[in-house]
Amino acid sequence: MFDTFCTSLCSSKPFITIEITPPHGGSIDKIIENIASLGLDKKVTGFTTTDNPLAKLKMDSILAAIKVQQKFNKPVIATMSMRDKNKLSLQSTLLGANDFDIRCILALTGDPAKLSDQPEVKGVLERDSTLLLSIIYKLNKGLDYSNKVLNPAPKPIYPFAVSNSHAKDTKYLLKKMIKKLDYGARAIITQPVFGIENAKMLLRIFEEAKEISIRDTAKEAELILGQFPLVATKTANFINEHVPGIDVPKEIIDEMNLASMDGKEKEHNVGFAISKRIYDEIIALHPKVHLMTHNRFDLCSELIS
């Protein structure tokens, strides 16, 4: 399963993953049923599960990934945040996940604990996401972080990382990409991209980062372009004004603001048409995309269709 997944990632064929946010509750079954009812599992290469985004309480990403992967028999990239675990807990979770064949890991530093909906939460945050990448590097050599031999050695783990999609200085993006490739990332998933020129810029920077990186695995690494369909003006404005590392072009904001004056249906239709155009252009340019929709799997299905 994972060999096919990685071969697809590195080929010219479309590679499409969909983000699943586990529920604030004790079962992910309804989410799985929704995906299955849309036949979405047959249209994509795999899934990701998020790890308490914005430090809001959700079901554990690894446990959710196990259930989704077993249901659809497709690889799930499980997100792990540095916010909530120290290096002991990170290694323990990775080893346990490995035995359940959860072997694609998305390394995140994580949103600040102060954003949490739980009282008096304190972040752990021993280091940024490069610590997790370096732990995975050692595990793939059959060693724990203290260089002790693991018996038995875990099956190969495939590390993923993330990148902003926008910065005032592109050298900042280049530096961050090089750092994550140097720590062994096999692929980098970007924040949402809202234009073809933005996508071209990221691809150009990524190719430069691969050339500069000291790690042999960087030569075969891939960039996966994030996509977030905008169907609400409020969401478009919020992302543009309050989410660092993302840029929604002014012409998109203006077009959606105008559409919203004629009602919710017009707003939705115009927003989706814009999102579909961007998606189709990016797929034609670089068919490696990651869809983020806050569990609006109907939008994913329409985009892919």
Protein backbone atom coordinates (compact mmCIF):
# COMPACT_ATOMS: atom_id res chain seq x y z
CA MET A 1 0.00 0.00 0.00
CA PHE A 2 2.70 2.52 0.96
CA ASP A 3 4.98 1.64 -1.95
CA THR A 4 2.10 2.38 -4.32
CA PHE A 5 1.32 5.58 -2.42
CA CYS A 6 4.90 6.86 -2.67
CA THR A 7 5.23 5.77 -6.30
CA SER A 8 2.09 7.77 -7.10
CA LEU A 9 3.48 10.78 -5.24
CA CYS A 10 6.65 10.73 -7.32
CA SER A 11 4.97 9.99 -10.67
CA SER A 12 3.25 12.31 -13.14
CA LYS A 13 -0.15 10.87 -12.22
CA PRO A 14 -2.60 12.86 -10.05
CA PHE A 15 -1.96 12.59 -6.31
CA ILE A 16 -4.90 13.85 -4.27
CA THR A 17 -5.27 13.72 -0.50
CA ILE A 18 -8.16 14.98 1.61
CA GLU A 19 -7.90 16.36 5.13
CA ILE A 20 -10.15 14.83 7.77
CA THR A 21 -10.68 16.67 11.04
CA PRO A 22 -11.57 14.04 13.69
CA PRO A 23 -14.71 14.79 15.69
CA HIS A 24 -15.17 16.47 19.03
CA GLY A 25 -16.67 13.24 20.25
CA GLY A 26 -16.22 9.53 20.76
CA SER A 27 -16.70 8.16 17.25
CA ILE A 28 -15.48 8.96 13.74
CA ASP A 29 -18.03 6.62 12.14
CA LYS A 30 -20.29 9.39 10.78
CA ILE A 31 -17.36 11.02 9.00
CA ILE A 32 -16.34 7.69 7.50
CA GLU A 33 -19.94 7.04 6.39
CA ASN A 34 -20.11 10.48 4.75
CA ILE A 35 -16.92 9.85 2.78
CA ALA A 36 -18.12 6.40 1.73
CA SER A 37 -21.57 7.67 0.66
CA LEU A 38 -19.90 10.12 -1.75
CA GLY A 39 -17.58 7.44 -3.09
CA LEU A 40 -14.78 9.86 -2.28
CA ASP A 41 -12.38 7.13 -1.22
CA LYS A 42 -12.38 5.89 -4.83
CA LYS A 43 -11.46 9.33 -6.19
CA VAL A 44 -8.42 10.09 -4.03
CA THR A 45 -4.97 8.69 -3.30
CA GLY A 46 -5.26 8.96 0.46
CA PHE A 47 -6.29 11.01 3.48
CA THR A 48 -4.80 13.01 6.33
CA THR A 49 -6.04 13.35 9.89
CA THR A 50 -5.49 16.56 11.86
CA ASP A 51 -4.12 16.79 15.40
CA ASN A 52 -6.28 19.12 17.52
CA PRO A 53 -6.12 22.10 15.11
CA LEU A 54 -6.14 25.49 16.84
CA ALA A 55 -5.55 23.49 20.04
CA LYS A 56 -9.27 22.61 20.11
CA LEU A 57 -10.15 19.19 21.53
CA LYS A 58 -10.71 16.47 18.91
CA MET A 59 -10.30 12.71 18.72
CA ASP A 60 -6.65 11.60 18.57
CA SER A 61 -5.22 11.85 15.06
CA ILE A 62 -3.35 8.52 15.17
CA LEU A 63 -6.33 6.53 16.41
CA ALA A 64 -8.59 8.22 13.86
CA ALA A 65 -6.05 7.40 11.13
CA ILE A 66 -6.06 3.71 12.09
CA LYS A 67 -9.82 3.49 11.68
CA VAL A 68 -9.93 5.44 8.38
CA GLN A 69 -7.04 3.46 6.89
CA GLN A 70 -8.54 0.12 7.85
CA LYS A 71 -11.95 1.13 6.46
CA PHE A 72 -10.78 2.38 3.05
CA ASN A 73 -7.53 0.46 2.67
CA LYS A 74 -5.79 3.66 1.61
CA PRO A 75 -2.84 5.31 3.35
CA VAL A 76 -3.59 8.00 5.91
CA ILE A 77 -1.06 10.71 6.72
CA ALA A 78 -1.48 11.22 10.46
CA THR A 79 -0.59 14.65 11.78
CA MET A 80 1.53 14.89 14.93
CA SER A 81 1.94 18.21 16.73
CA MET A 82 4.94 19.15 18.85
CA ARG A 83 2.65 21.20 21.07
CA ASP A 84 1.32 18.28 23.11
CA LYS A 85 4.11 15.70 23.32
CA ASN A 86 7.72 15.45 24.45
CA LYS A 87 10.28 13.27 22.67
CA LEU A 88 9.45 10.26 24.87
CA SER A 89 5.75 10.42 24.01
CA LEU A 90 6.45 11.15 20.33
CA GLN A 91 8.60 8.04 19.97
CA SER A 92 6.17 5.87 21.90
CA THR A 93 3.26 7.00 19.70
CA LEU A 94 5.24 6.47 16.50
CA LEU A 95 6.20 2.93 17.51
CA GLY A 96 2.63 2.05 18.43
CA ALA A 97 1.28 3.60 15.23
CA ASN A 98 3.85 1.64 13.24
CA ASP A 99 2.49 -1.65 14.51
CA PHE A 100 -0.95 -0.60 13.22
CA ASP A 101 0.66 0.34 9.87
CA ILE A 102 0.24 4.09 10.28
CA ARG A 103 3.51 5.04 8.64
CA CYS A 104 2.92 8.40 6.95
CA ILE A 105 3.41 11.20 9.48
CA LEU A 106 2.86 14.93 8.98
CA ALA A 107 5.13 16.84 11.37
CA LEU A 108 3.74 20.10 12.74
CA THR A 109 4.94 22.51 15.39
CA GLY A 110 1.25 23.08 16.21
CA ASP A 111 -1.00 26.02 17.01
CA PRO A 112 -0.34 27.74 20.37
CA ALA A 113 -1.88 26.12 23.45
CA LYS A 114 -3.32 29.50 24.46
CA LEU A 115 -5.91 29.07 21.67
CA SER A 116 -7.31 25.95 23.31
CA ASP A 117 -10.94 25.47 24.30
CA GLN A 118 -9.79 23.51 27.36
CA PRO A 119 -8.96 25.24 30.68
CA GLU A 120 -5.34 26.06 31.57
CA VAL A 121 -3.76 24.00 28.79
CA LYS A 122 0.04 24.16 28.73
CA GLY A 123 2.05 23.33 25.63
CA VAL A 124 5.03 20.96 25.78
CA LEU A 125 6.88 22.11 22.66
CA GLU A 126 10.40 20.79 23.32
CA ARG A 127 11.33 22.03 19.82
CA ASP A 128 9.70 22.76 16.49
CA SER A 129 8.63 20.11 13.98
CA THR A 130 12.23 19.37 13.01
CA LEU A 131 12.58 17.40 16.25
CA LEU A 132 9.86 15.02 15.07
CA LEU A 133 11.49 14.77 11.64
CA SER A 134 14.84 13.93 13.26
CA ILE A 135 13.18 11.29 15.48
CA ILE A 136 11.65 9.66 12.38
CA TYR A 137 15.07 9.76 10.67
CA LYS A 138 16.56 7.77 13.54
CA LEU A 139 13.65 5.34 13.78
CA ASN A 140 14.11 4.58 10.09
CA LYS A 141 17.66 3.53 10.95
CA GLY A 142 16.36 1.19 13.68
CA LEU A 143 17.41 3.50 16.50
CA ASP A 144 15.59 5.51 19.13
CA TYR A 145 16.49 9.16 19.74
CA SER A 146 19.20 8.16 22.23
CA ASN A 147 20.77 5.87 19.56
CA LYS A 148 19.69 2.64 21.25
CA VAL A 149 18.82 -0.21 18.88
CA LEU A 150 15.11 -0.97 18.55
CA ASN A 151 14.06 -4.62 18.58
CA PRO A 152 12.30 -5.24 16.32
CA ALA A 153 13.04 -2.25 14.10
CA PRO A 154 9.94 -0.37 12.94
CA LYS A 155 8.72 -0.56 9.36
CA PRO A 156 9.74 2.44 7.20
CA ILE A 157 8.09 5.72 8.19
CA TYR A 158 7.40 8.40 5.57
CA PRO A 159 7.75 11.93 6.99
CA PHE A 160 5.79 14.88 5.58
CA ALA A 161 6.16 18.56 6.48
CA VAL A 162 4.29 21.82 5.82
CA SER A 163 5.05 25.23 4.35
CA ASN A 164 3.40 28.62 4.13
CA SER A 165 2.14 29.45 0.65
CA HIS A 166 2.96 33.16 0.85
CA ALA A 167 5.64 35.43 2.29
CA LYS A 168 6.70 38.99 1.61
CA ASP A 169 10.25 37.69 1.15
CA THR A 170 10.48 34.44 -0.83
CA LYS A 171 13.88 33.77 0.75
CA TYR A 172 11.98 33.00 3.96
CA LEU A 173 10.00 30.25 2.20
CA LEU A 174 13.19 28.89 0.62
CA LYS A 175 14.99 28.76 3.97
CA LYS A 176 12.10 26.92 5.64
CA MET A 177 11.80 24.37 2.81
CA ILE A 178 15.55 23.65 2.84
CA LYS A 179 15.47 23.12 6.61
CA LYS A 180 12.64 20.57 6.41
CA LEU A 181 14.20 18.73 3.48
CA ASP A 182 17.51 18.61 5.39
CA TYR A 183 15.67 16.91 8.25
CA GLY A 184 14.37 14.24 5.90
CA ALA A 185 10.90 15.34 4.77
CA ARG A 186 9.77 13.23 1.81
CA ALA A 187 7.11 15.77 0.80
CA ILE A 188 6.02 19.26 1.81
CA ILE A 189 2.33 20.23 1.88
CA THR A 190 1.67 23.95 1.45
CA GLN A 191 -0.96 26.16 2.98
CA PRO A 192 -3.84 26.86 0.55
CA VAL A 193 -2.87 28.34 -2.81
CA PHE A 194 -5.33 30.74 -4.47
CA GLY A 195 -3.74 31.39 -7.85
CA ILE A 196 -1.64 29.81 -10.56
CA GLU A 197 1.17 32.36 -10.22
CA ASN A 198 1.43 31.57 -6.51
CA ALA A 199 1.66 27.87 -7.40
CA LYS A 200 4.40 28.50 -9.96
CA MET A 201 6.38 30.55 -7.43
CA LEU A 202 6.19 27.76 -4.84
CA LEU A 203 7.26 25.11 -7.34
CA ARG A 204 10.23 27.25 -8.40
CA ILE A 205 11.33 27.77 -4.78
CA PHE A 206 10.87 24.09 -3.99
CA GLU A 207 13.09 23.01 -6.87
CA GLU A 208 15.76 25.43 -5.65
CA ALA A 209 15.44 24.04 -2.12
CA LYS A 210 15.93 20.48 -3.40
CA GLU A 211 19.14 21.50 -5.14
CA ILE A 212 20.52 23.17 -2.02
CA SER A 213 19.47 20.53 0.54
CA ILE A 214 22.24 18.32 1.95
CA ARG A 215 19.92 15.30 2.22
CA ASP A 216 19.89 12.66 -0.54
CA THR A 217 16.17 12.05 0.00
CA ALA A 218 15.48 15.66 -1.01
CA LYS A 219 16.19 14.85 -4.66
CA GLU A 220 13.03 12.72 -4.83
CA ALA A 221 10.91 14.89 -2.53
CA GLU A 222 7.65 16.35 -3.82
CA LEU A 223 5.64 19.50 -3.24
CA ILE A 224 1.91 19.07 -2.59
CA LEU A 225 -0.14 22.22 -3.16
CA GLY A 226 -2.84 22.94 -0.61
CA GLN A 227 -6.33 23.80 -1.81
CA PHE A 228 -9.18 25.32 0.20
CA PRO A 229 -12.43 25.94 -1.71
CA LEU A 230 -13.89 29.31 -0.77
CA VAL A 231 -17.70 29.36 -0.78
CA ALA A 232 -18.27 32.05 1.88
CA THR A 233 -17.11 35.68 1.79
CA LYS A 234 -16.65 35.70 5.57
CA THR A 235 -14.21 32.79 5.33
CA ALA A 236 -12.25 34.40 2.49
CA ASN A 237 -11.86 37.64 4.42
CA PHE A 238 -10.93 35.86 7.66
CA ILE A 239 -8.24 33.72 6.00
CA ASN A 240 -6.76 36.71 4.22
CA GLU A 241 -6.67 38.93 7.30
CA HIS A 242 -5.96 36.55 10.17
CA VAL A 243 -4.15 33.42 8.93
CA PRO A 244 -0.39 33.96 8.52
CA GLY A 245 1.31 32.57 5.44
CA ILE A 246 -1.75 32.67 3.15
CA ASP A 247 -2.69 35.30 0.58
CA VAL A 248 -6.16 35.51 -0.99
CA PRO A 249 -5.89 37.82 -4.04
CA LYS A 250 -7.87 41.06 -3.83
CA GLU A 251 -9.79 40.26 -7.03
CA ILE A 252 -11.18 37.07 -5.42
CA ILE A 253 -12.18 38.95 -2.27
CA ASP A 254 -13.88 41.66 -4.37
CA GLU A 255 -15.73 39.16 -6.56
CA MET A 256 -17.04 37.25 -3.56
CA ASN A 257 -18.01 40.43 -1.71
CA LEU A 258 -20.08 41.49 -4.71
CA ALA A 259 -21.69 38.06 -4.99
CA SER A 260 -22.65 38.09 -1.31
CA MET A 261 -24.80 41.17 -1.94
CA ASP A 262 -27.14 38.96 -3.99
CA GLY A 263 -27.63 36.28 -1.37
CA LYS A 264 -26.06 33.11 0.00
CA GLU A 265 -26.74 30.99 -3.08
CA LYS A 266 -25.03 33.43 -5.43
CA GLU A 267 -22.16 33.79 -2.96
CA HIS A 268 -21.71 30.00 -2.80
CA ASN A 269 -21.94 29.51 -6.58
CA VAL A 270 -19.47 32.27 -7.40
CA GLY A 271 -17.03 31.12 -4.72
CA PHE A 272 -17.17 27.52 -5.87
CA ALA A 273 -16.70 28.52 -9.53
CA ILE A 274 -13.56 30.44 -8.56
CA SER A 275 -12.28 27.52 -6.47
CA LYS A 276 -12.98 25.02 -9.25
CA ARG A 277 -11.09 27.15 -11.77
CA ILE A 278 -8.07 27.41 -9.47
CA TYR A 279 -8.18 23.67 -8.74
CA ASP A 280 -8.32 22.74 -12.43
CA GLU A 281 -5.47 25.11 -13.31
CA ILE A 282 -3.26 23.74 -10.53
CA ILE A 283 -4.02 20.11 -11.39
CA ALA A 284 -2.99 20.86 -15.00
CA LEU A 285 0.24 22.50 -13.80
CA HIS A 286 1.19 20.14 -10.96
CA PRO A 287 -1.21 17.28 -10.15
CA LYS A 288 -0.24 16.97 -6.48
CA VAL A 289 -2.90 18.58 -4.29
CA HIS A 290 -4.17 18.42 -0.72
CA LEU A 291 -7.80 19.43 -0.12
CA MET A 292 -8.75 21.18 3.11
CA THR A 293 -12.48 21.80 3.57
CA HIS A 294 -13.31 21.49 7.30
CA ASN A 295 -14.96 18.14 6.53
CA ARG A 296 -17.07 19.53 3.66
CA PHE A 297 -16.52 16.34 1.69
CA ASP A 298 -19.31 17.27 -0.74
CA LEU A 299 -17.12 20.18 -1.90
CA CYS A 300 -14.16 17.82 -2.32
CA SER A 301 -16.25 15.50 -4.46
CA GLU A 302 -17.48 18.36 -6.67
CA LEU A 303 -13.98 19.78 -7.10
CA ILE A 304 -12.49 16.46 -8.14
CA SER A 305 -15.36 15.75 -10.51
